All heavy atoms as atom14 arrays in JSON, in Angstrom:
{
  "sequence": "GASGLDGKSLSLRVAISHAGNRYGEPLREIVGEDGVKRF",
  "atom14_mask": [
    [1, 1, 1, 1, 0, 0, 0, 0, 0, 0, 0, 0, 0, 0],
    [1, 1, 1, 1, 1, 0, 0, 0, 0, 0, 0, 0, 0, 0],
    [1, 1, 1, 1, 1, 1, 0, 0, 0, 0, 0, 0, 0, 0],
    [1, 1, 1, 1, 0, 0, 0, 0, 0, 0, 0, 0, 0, 0],
    [1, 1, 1, 1, 1, 1, 1, 1, 0, 0, 0, 0, 0, 0],
    [1, 1, 1, 1, 1, 1, 1, 1, 0, 0, 0, 0, 0, 0],
    [1, 1, 1, 1, 0, 0, 0, 0, 0, 0, 0, 0, 0, 0],
    [1, 1, 1, 1, 1, 1, 1, 1, 1, 0, 0, 0, 0, 0],
    [1, 1, 1, 1, 1, 1, 0, 0, 0, 0, 0, 0, 0, 0],
    [1, 1, 1, 1, 1, 1, 1, 1, 0, 0, 0, 0, 0, 0],
    [1, 1, 1, 1, 1, 1, 0, 0, 0, 0, 0, 0, 0, 0],
    [1, 1, 1, 1, 1, 1, 1, 1, 0, 0, 0, 0, 0, 0],
    [1, 1, 1, 1, 1, 1, 1, 1, 1, 1, 1, 0, 0, 0],
    [1, 1, 1, 1, 1, 1, 1, 0, 0, 0, 0, 0, 0, 0],
    [1, 1, 1, 1, 1, 0, 0, 0, 0, 0, 0, 0, 0, 0],
    [1, 1, 1, 1, 1, 1, 1, 1, 0, 0, 0, 0, 0, 0],
    [1, 1, 1, 1, 1, 1, 0, 0, 0, 0, 0, 0, 0, 0],
    [1, 1, 1, 1, 1, 1, 1, 1, 1, 1, 0, 0, 0, 0],
    [1, 1, 1, 1, 1, 0, 0, 0, 0, 0, 0, 0, 0, 0],
    [1, 1, 1, 1, 0, 0, 0, 0, 0, 0, 0, 0, 0, 0],
    [1, 1, 1, 1, 1, 1, 1, 1, 0, 0, 0, 0, 0, 0],
    [1, 1, 1, 1, 1, 1, 1, 1, 1, 1, 1, 0, 0, 0],
    [1, 1, 1, 1, 1, 1, 1, 1, 1, 1, 1, 1, 0, 0],
    [1, 1, 1, 1, 0, 0, 0, 0, 0, 0, 0, 0, 0, 0],
    [1, 1, 1, 1, 1, 1, 1, 1, 1, 0, 0, 0, 0, 0],
    [1, 1, 1, 1, 1, 1, 1, 0, 0, 0, 0, 0, 0, 0],
    [1, 1, 1, 1, 1, 1, 1, 1, 0, 0, 0, 0, 0, 0],
    [1, 1, 1, 1, 1, 1, 1, 1, 1, 1, 1, 0, 0, 0],
    [1, 1, 1, 1, 1, 1, 1, 1, 1, 0, 0, 0, 0, 0],
    [1, 1, 1, 1, 1, 1, 1, 1, 0, 0, 0, 0, 0, 0],
    [1, 1, 1, 1, 1, 1, 1, 0, 0, 0, 0, 0, 0, 0],
    [1, 1, 1, 1, 0, 0, 0, 0, 0, 0, 0, 0, 0, 0],
    [1, 1, 1, 1, 1, 1, 1, 1, 1, 0, 0, 0, 0, 0],
    [1, 1, 1, 1, 1, 1, 1, 1, 0, 0, 0, 0, 0, 0],
    [1, 1, 1, 1, 0, 0, 0, 0, 0, 0, 0, 0, 0, 0],
    [1, 1, 1, 1, 1, 1, 1, 0, 0, 0, 0, 0, 0, 0],
    [1, 1, 1, 1, 1, 1, 1, 1, 1, 0, 0, 0, 0, 0],
    [1, 1, 1, 1, 1, 1, 1, 1, 1, 1, 1, 0, 0, 0],
    [1, 1, 1, 1, 1, 1, 1, 1, 1, 1, 1, 0, 0, 0]
  ],
  "atom14_positions": [
    [[50.71, -23.18, -53.41], [50.64, -24.47, -54.07], [51.76, -24.64, -55.06], [52.43, -23.68, -55.44], [0.0, 0.0, 0.0], [0.0, 0.0, 0.0], [0.0, 0.0, 0.0], [0.0, 0.0, 0.0], [0.0, 0.0, 0.0], [0.0, 0.0, 0.0], [0.0, 0.0, 0.0], [0.0, 0.0, 0.0], [0.0, 0.0, 0.0], [0.0, 0.0, 0.0]],
    [[51.95, -25.85, -55.48], [52.96, -26.16, -56.48], [52.53, -27.41, -57.23], [51.83, -28.27, -56.69], [54.31, -26.4, -55.82], [0.0, 0.0, 0.0], [0.0, 0.0, 0.0], [0.0, 0.0, 0.0], [0.0, 0.0, 0.0], [0.0, 0.0, 0.0], [0.0, 0.0, 0.0], [0.0, 0.0, 0.0], [0.0, 0.0, 0.0], [0.0, 0.0, 0.0]],
    [[52.91, -27.47, -58.49], [52.63, -28.64, -59.31], [53.94, -29.32, -59.66], [54.92, -28.65, -60.0], [51.92, -28.24, -60.6], [50.67, -27.67, -60.3], [0.0, 0.0, 0.0], [0.0, 0.0, 0.0], [0.0, 0.0, 0.0], [0.0, 0.0, 0.0], [0.0, 0.0, 0.0], [0.0, 0.0, 0.0], [0.0, 0.0, 0.0], [0.0, 0.0, 0.0]],
    [[53.93, -30.63, -59.58], [55.12, -31.39, -59.93], [55.11, -31.82, -61.38], [54.09, -31.71, -62.07], [0.0, 0.0, 0.0], [0.0, 0.0, 0.0], [0.0, 0.0, 0.0], [0.0, 0.0, 0.0], [0.0, 0.0, 0.0], [0.0, 0.0, 0.0], [0.0, 0.0, 0.0], [0.0, 0.0, 0.0], [0.0, 0.0, 0.0], [0.0, 0.0, 0.0]],
    [[56.22, -32.3, -61.85], [56.31, -32.77, -63.23], [55.45, -34.0, -63.46], [55.11, -34.32, -64.6], [57.76, -33.07, -63.59], [58.68, -31.85, -63.65], [60.12, -32.29, -63.91], [58.22, -30.88, -64.71], [0.0, 0.0, 0.0], [0.0, 0.0, 0.0], [0.0, 0.0, 0.0], [0.0, 0.0, 0.0], [0.0, 0.0, 0.0], [0.0, 0.0, 0.0]],
    [[55.07, -34.68, -62.37], [54.24, -35.87, -62.51], [52.76, -35.52, -62.62], [51.91, -36.4, -62.7], [54.46, -36.81, -61.32], [54.12, -36.16, -59.98], [53.75, -34.96, -59.97], [54.24, -36.85, -58.96], [0.0, 0.0, 0.0], [0.0, 0.0, 0.0], [0.0, 0.0, 0.0], [0.0, 0.0, 0.0], [0.0, 0.0, 0.0], [0.0, 0.0, 0.0]],
    [[52.44, -34.22, -62.65], [51.05, -33.8, -62.78], [50.33, -33.67, -61.45], [49.19, -33.21, -61.4], [0.0, 0.0, 0.0], [0.0, 0.0, 0.0], [0.0, 0.0, 0.0], [0.0, 0.0, 0.0], [0.0, 0.0, 0.0], [0.0, 0.0, 0.0], [0.0, 0.0, 0.0], [0.0, 0.0, 0.0], [0.0, 0.0, 0.0], [0.0, 0.0, 0.0]],
    [[50.95, -34.09, -60.38], [50.33, -33.98, -59.06], [50.61, -32.59, -58.5], [51.63, -31.98, -58.8], [50.88, -35.04, -58.12], [50.53, -36.44, -58.55], [51.11, -37.47, -57.6], [50.75, -38.87, -58.07], [51.37, -39.88, -57.23], [0.0, 0.0, 0.0], [0.0, 0.0, 0.0], [0.0, 0.0, 0.0], [0.0, 0.0, 0.0], [0.0, 0.0, 0.0]],
    [[49.67, -32.1, -57.7], [49.87, -30.78, -57.12], [49.66, -30.84, -55.62], [49.03, -31.75, -55.09], [48.9, -29.77, -57.74], [47.57, -30.12, -57.47], [0.0, 0.0, 0.0], [0.0, 0.0, 0.0], [0.0, 0.0, 0.0], [0.0, 0.0, 0.0], [0.0, 0.0, 0.0], [0.0, 0.0, 0.0], [0.0, 0.0, 0.0], [0.0, 0.0, 0.0]],
    [[50.23, -29.86, -54.96], [50.12, -29.74, -53.52], [49.62, -28.34, -53.22], [50.15, -27.37, -53.75], [51.48, -29.95, -52.85], [51.58, -29.61, -51.38], [50.78, -30.61, -50.55], [53.03, -29.59, -50.93], [0.0, 0.0, 0.0], [0.0, 0.0, 0.0], [0.0, 0.0, 0.0], [0.0, 0.0, 0.0], [0.0, 0.0, 0.0], [0.0, 0.0, 0.0]],
    [[48.59, -28.24, -52.41], [48.07, -26.95, -52.0], [48.03, -26.89, -50.49], [47.58, -27.83, -49.84], [46.66, -26.72, -52.54], [46.68, -26.59, -53.93], [0.0, 0.0, 0.0], [0.0, 0.0, 0.0], [0.0, 0.0, 0.0], [0.0, 0.0, 0.0], [0.0, 0.0, 0.0], [0.0, 0.0, 0.0], [0.0, 0.0, 0.0], [0.0, 0.0, 0.0]],
    [[48.51, -25.81, -49.94], [48.43, -25.57, -48.51], [47.56, -24.34, -48.31], [47.81, -23.29, -48.89], [49.82, -25.32, -47.92], [50.82, -26.44, -48.0], [52.18, -25.99, -47.47], [50.34, -27.65, -47.21], [0.0, 0.0, 0.0], [0.0, 0.0, 0.0], [0.0, 0.0, 0.0], [0.0, 0.0, 0.0], [0.0, 0.0, 0.0], [0.0, 0.0, 0.0]],
    [[46.53, -24.49, -47.5], [45.64, -23.37, -47.19], [45.49, -23.29, -45.69], [45.56, -24.29, -44.98], [44.26, -23.58, -47.83], [44.32, -23.65, -49.33], [43.09, -23.07, -49.95], [43.06, -23.17, -51.38], [43.71, -22.37, -52.21], [44.44, -21.4, -51.73], [43.64, -22.52, -53.5], [0.0, 0.0, 0.0], [0.0, 0.0, 0.0], [0.0, 0.0, 0.0]],
    [[45.23, -22.07, -45.23], [45.03, -21.87, -43.8], [43.81, -22.66, -43.34], [43.83, -23.33, -42.33], [44.86, -20.37, -43.48], [44.52, -20.16, -42.02], [46.13, -19.62, -43.85], [0.0, 0.0, 0.0], [0.0, 0.0, 0.0], [0.0, 0.0, 0.0], [0.0, 0.0, 0.0], [0.0, 0.0, 0.0], [0.0, 0.0, 0.0], [0.0, 0.0, 0.0]],
    [[42.74, -22.59, -44.1], [41.5, -23.33, -43.8], [40.7, -23.43, -45.09], [40.92, -22.68, -46.03], [40.69, -22.62, -42.73], [0.0, 0.0, 0.0], [0.0, 0.0, 0.0], [0.0, 0.0, 0.0], [0.0, 0.0, 0.0], [0.0, 0.0, 0.0], [0.0, 0.0, 0.0], [0.0, 0.0, 0.0], [0.0, 0.0, 0.0], [0.0, 0.0, 0.0]],
    [[39.77, -24.35, -45.13], [38.9, -24.47, -46.3], [37.43, -24.53, -45.89], [36.6, -25.01, -46.61], [39.25, -25.71, -47.15], [39.22, -26.98, -46.31], [40.59, -25.53, -47.84], [39.34, -28.25, -47.11], [0.0, 0.0, 0.0], [0.0, 0.0, 0.0], [0.0, 0.0, 0.0], [0.0, 0.0, 0.0], [0.0, 0.0, 0.0], [0.0, 0.0, 0.0]],
    [[37.13, -23.97, -44.74], [35.77, -24.08, -44.21], [34.72, -23.41, -45.07], [33.56, -23.78, -45.03], [35.72, -23.53, -42.79], [36.11, -22.17, -42.77], [0.0, 0.0, 0.0], [0.0, 0.0, 0.0], [0.0, 0.0, 0.0], [0.0, 0.0, 0.0], [0.0, 0.0, 0.0], [0.0, 0.0, 0.0], [0.0, 0.0, 0.0], [0.0, 0.0, 0.0]],
    [[35.11, -22.42, -45.87], [34.12, -21.7, -46.67], [34.37, -21.87, -48.17], [33.85, -21.12, -48.97], [34.14, -20.21, -46.33], [33.94, -19.97, -44.87], [32.75, -20.15, -44.24], [34.82, -19.59, -43.91], [32.88, -19.88, -42.95], [34.13, -19.55, -42.73], [0.0, 0.0, 0.0], [0.0, 0.0, 0.0], [0.0, 0.0, 0.0], [0.0, 0.0, 0.0]],
    [[35.16, -22.85, -48.53], [35.56, -23.0, -49.92], [34.39, -23.3, -50.84], [34.4, -22.9, -51.99], [36.62, -24.1, -50.05], [0.0, 0.0, 0.0], [0.0, 0.0, 0.0], [0.0, 0.0, 0.0], [0.0, 0.0, 0.0], [0.0, 0.0, 0.0], [0.0, 0.0, 0.0], [0.0, 0.0, 0.0], [0.0, 0.0, 0.0], [0.0, 0.0, 0.0]],
    [[33.36, -23.98, -50.36], [32.25, -24.37, -51.22], [31.49, -23.19, -51.78], [31.2, -23.12, -52.95], [0.0, 0.0, 0.0], [0.0, 0.0, 0.0], [0.0, 0.0, 0.0], [0.0, 0.0, 0.0], [0.0, 0.0, 0.0], [0.0, 0.0, 0.0], [0.0, 0.0, 0.0], [0.0, 0.0, 0.0], [0.0, 0.0, 0.0], [0.0, 0.0, 0.0]],
    [[31.16, -22.22, -50.94], [30.4, -21.07, -51.43], [31.16, -19.77, -51.2], [30.57, -18.73, -50.96], [29.03, -21.01, -50.74], [29.12, -20.74, -49.25], [30.21, -20.74, -48.68], [27.99, -20.52, -48.63], [0.0, 0.0, 0.0], [0.0, 0.0, 0.0], [0.0, 0.0, 0.0], [0.0, 0.0, 0.0], [0.0, 0.0, 0.0], [0.0, 0.0, 0.0]],
    [[32.46, -19.87, -51.29], [33.35, -18.75, -50.99], [33.09, -18.32, -49.56], [33.3, -19.11, -48.67], [33.2, -17.6, -51.99], [33.84, -17.83, -53.32], [35.26, -18.19, -53.26], [36.14, -17.02, -53.33], [37.43, -17.13, -53.18], [37.96, -18.29, -52.97], [38.18, -16.09, -53.26], [0.0, 0.0, 0.0], [0.0, 0.0, 0.0], [0.0, 0.0, 0.0]],
    [[32.61, -17.14, -49.33], [32.53, -16.65, -47.96], [31.1, -16.53, -47.45], [30.88, -16.51, -46.26], [33.27, -15.32, -47.86], [34.64, -15.41, -48.48], [34.92, -14.84, -49.7], [35.64, -16.14, -47.85], [36.17, -14.97, -50.28], [36.89, -16.28, -48.42], [37.15, -15.68, -49.64], [38.38, -15.82, -50.19], [0.0, 0.0, 0.0], [0.0, 0.0, 0.0]],
    [[30.15, -16.43, -48.38], [28.73, -16.48, -48.08], [28.27, -15.79, -46.82], [28.55, -14.63, -46.56], [0.0, 0.0, 0.0], [0.0, 0.0, 0.0], [0.0, 0.0, 0.0], [0.0, 0.0, 0.0], [0.0, 0.0, 0.0], [0.0, 0.0, 0.0], [0.0, 0.0, 0.0], [0.0, 0.0, 0.0], [0.0, 0.0, 0.0], [0.0, 0.0, 0.0]],
    [[27.54, -16.54, -46.04], [26.89, -16.01, -44.85], [27.86, -15.45, -43.81], [27.59, -14.4, -43.23], [25.98, -17.08, -44.23], [25.0, -16.53, -43.22], [24.12, -15.41, -43.77], [23.71, -15.46, -44.94], [23.86, -14.46, -43.01], [0.0, 0.0, 0.0], [0.0, 0.0, 0.0], [0.0, 0.0, 0.0], [0.0, 0.0, 0.0], [0.0, 0.0, 0.0]],
    [[29.01, -16.09, -43.55], [29.93, -15.5, -42.57], [30.36, -14.07, -42.93], [30.45, -13.21, -42.06], [31.12, -16.46, -42.56], [30.54, -17.76, -42.99], [29.48, -17.41, -44.0], [0.0, 0.0, 0.0], [0.0, 0.0, 0.0], [0.0, 0.0, 0.0], [0.0, 0.0, 0.0], [0.0, 0.0, 0.0], [0.0, 0.0, 0.0], [0.0, 0.0, 0.0]],
    [[30.61, -13.81, -44.21], [30.99, -12.46, -44.62], [29.81, -11.5, -44.46], [29.97, -10.37, -44.0], [31.51, -12.44, -46.06], [32.04, -11.1, -46.55], [33.23, -10.65, -45.72], [32.41, -11.18, -48.02], [0.0, 0.0, 0.0], [0.0, 0.0, 0.0], [0.0, 0.0, 0.0], [0.0, 0.0, 0.0], [0.0, 0.0, 0.0], [0.0, 0.0, 0.0]],
    [[28.61, -11.95, -44.81], [27.4, -11.12, -44.68], [27.19, -10.71, -43.23], [26.8, -9.58, -42.96], [26.19, -11.88, -45.22], [24.9, -11.1, -45.19], [23.75, -11.82, -45.89], [23.88, -11.65, -47.34], [24.33, -12.58, -48.19], [24.65, -13.78, -47.76], [24.43, -12.33, -49.47], [0.0, 0.0, 0.0], [0.0, 0.0, 0.0], [0.0, 0.0, 0.0]],
    [[27.46, -11.61, -42.3], [27.3, -11.29, -40.88], [28.26, -10.19, -40.43], [27.95, -9.42, -39.54], [27.52, -12.54, -40.02], [26.41, -13.56, -40.15], [26.73, -14.87, -39.44], [27.74, -14.94, -38.71], [25.96, -15.84, -39.64], [0.0, 0.0, 0.0], [0.0, 0.0, 0.0], [0.0, 0.0, 0.0], [0.0, 0.0, 0.0], [0.0, 0.0, 0.0]],
    [[29.41, -10.11, -41.08], [30.41, -9.11, -40.7], [30.16, -7.78, -41.4], [30.18, -6.72, -40.76], [31.84, -9.61, -41.02], [32.14, -10.9, -40.24], [32.88, -8.53, -40.72], [33.39, -11.62, -40.71], [0.0, 0.0, 0.0], [0.0, 0.0, 0.0], [0.0, 0.0, 0.0], [0.0, 0.0, 0.0], [0.0, 0.0, 0.0], [0.0, 0.0, 0.0]],
    [[29.95, -7.8, -42.71], [29.9, -6.56, -43.49], [28.49, -6.12, -43.89], [28.32, -5.03, -44.42], [30.79, -6.64, -44.75], [32.23, -6.94, -44.37], [30.26, -7.66, -45.76], [0.0, 0.0, 0.0], [0.0, 0.0, 0.0], [0.0, 0.0, 0.0], [0.0, 0.0, 0.0], [0.0, 0.0, 0.0], [0.0, 0.0, 0.0], [0.0, 0.0, 0.0]],
    [[27.5, -6.96, -43.67], [26.13, -6.6, -44.03], [25.83, -6.85, -45.49], [26.72, -7.17, -46.29], [0.0, 0.0, 0.0], [0.0, 0.0, 0.0], [0.0, 0.0, 0.0], [0.0, 0.0, 0.0], [0.0, 0.0, 0.0], [0.0, 0.0, 0.0], [0.0, 0.0, 0.0], [0.0, 0.0, 0.0], [0.0, 0.0, 0.0], [0.0, 0.0, 0.0]],
    [[24.56, -6.68, -45.84], [24.11, -6.95, -47.22], [24.77, -6.0, -48.23], [25.23, -6.43, -49.28], [22.59, -6.83, -47.3], [22.0, -7.36, -48.59], [22.25, -8.86, -48.77], [22.15, -9.62, -47.8], [22.55, -9.26, -49.92], [0.0, 0.0, 0.0], [0.0, 0.0, 0.0], [0.0, 0.0, 0.0], [0.0, 0.0, 0.0], [0.0, 0.0, 0.0]],
    [[24.82, -4.72, -47.9], [25.44, -3.75, -48.8], [26.93, -4.06, -48.97], [27.47, -3.96, -50.07], [25.25, -2.32, -48.29], [25.84, -1.31, -49.25], [25.42, -1.29, -50.43], [26.74, -0.55, -48.83], [0.0, 0.0, 0.0], [0.0, 0.0, 0.0], [0.0, 0.0, 0.0], [0.0, 0.0, 0.0], [0.0, 0.0, 0.0], [0.0, 0.0, 0.0]],
    [[27.59, -4.44, -47.88], [29.0, -4.79, -47.95], [29.26, -5.99, -48.84], [30.24, -6.03, -49.57], [0.0, 0.0, 0.0], [0.0, 0.0, 0.0], [0.0, 0.0, 0.0], [0.0, 0.0, 0.0], [0.0, 0.0, 0.0], [0.0, 0.0, 0.0], [0.0, 0.0, 0.0], [0.0, 0.0, 0.0], [0.0, 0.0, 0.0], [0.0, 0.0, 0.0]],
    [[28.36, -6.98, -48.8], [28.5, -8.16, -49.68], [28.34, -7.75, -51.13], [29.09, -8.2, -52.0], [27.5, -9.27, -49.28], [27.45, -10.36, -50.34], [27.87, -9.86, -47.93], [0.0, 0.0, 0.0], [0.0, 0.0, 0.0], [0.0, 0.0, 0.0], [0.0, 0.0, 0.0], [0.0, 0.0, 0.0], [0.0, 0.0, 0.0], [0.0, 0.0, 0.0]],
    [[27.36, -6.88, -51.42], [27.18, -6.42, -52.81], [28.42, -5.69, -53.29], [28.89, -5.92, -54.41], [25.97, -5.49, -52.9], [24.64, -6.21, -52.81], [23.49, -5.22, -52.86], [22.16, -5.95, -52.64], [21.05, -5.03, -52.52], [0.0, 0.0, 0.0], [0.0, 0.0, 0.0], [0.0, 0.0, 0.0], [0.0, 0.0, 0.0], [0.0, 0.0, 0.0]],
    [[28.97, -4.84, -52.43], [30.18, -4.11, -52.81], [31.37, -5.05, -52.94], [32.22, -4.88, -53.8], [30.45, -3.0, -51.8], [29.42, -1.87, -51.93], [29.59, -0.78, -50.92], [30.91, -0.15, -50.99], [31.38, 0.66, -50.06], [30.65, 0.95, -49.0], [32.57, 1.19, -50.18], [0.0, 0.0, 0.0], [0.0, 0.0, 0.0], [0.0, 0.0, 0.0]],
    [[31.43, -6.09, -52.09], [32.51, -7.07, -52.19], [32.42, -7.84, -53.5], [33.45, -8.09, -54.16], [32.47, -8.05, -51.02], [33.54, -9.11, -51.11], [34.83, -8.83, -50.71], [33.25, -10.37, -51.61], [35.84, -9.79, -50.81], [34.25, -11.33, -51.72], [35.54, -11.04, -51.31], [0.0, 0.0, 0.0], [0.0, 0.0, 0.0], [0.0, 0.0, 0.0]]
  ]
}
């Protein structure tokens, strides 16, 4: 991302599908409950 002098900013992300709750359930499905706690 970058911010301009006009106060506007631009952000480029690969995806934002999990931005609301970070990684939540999709991460739990991969690493398990203990893995989420450790994460």
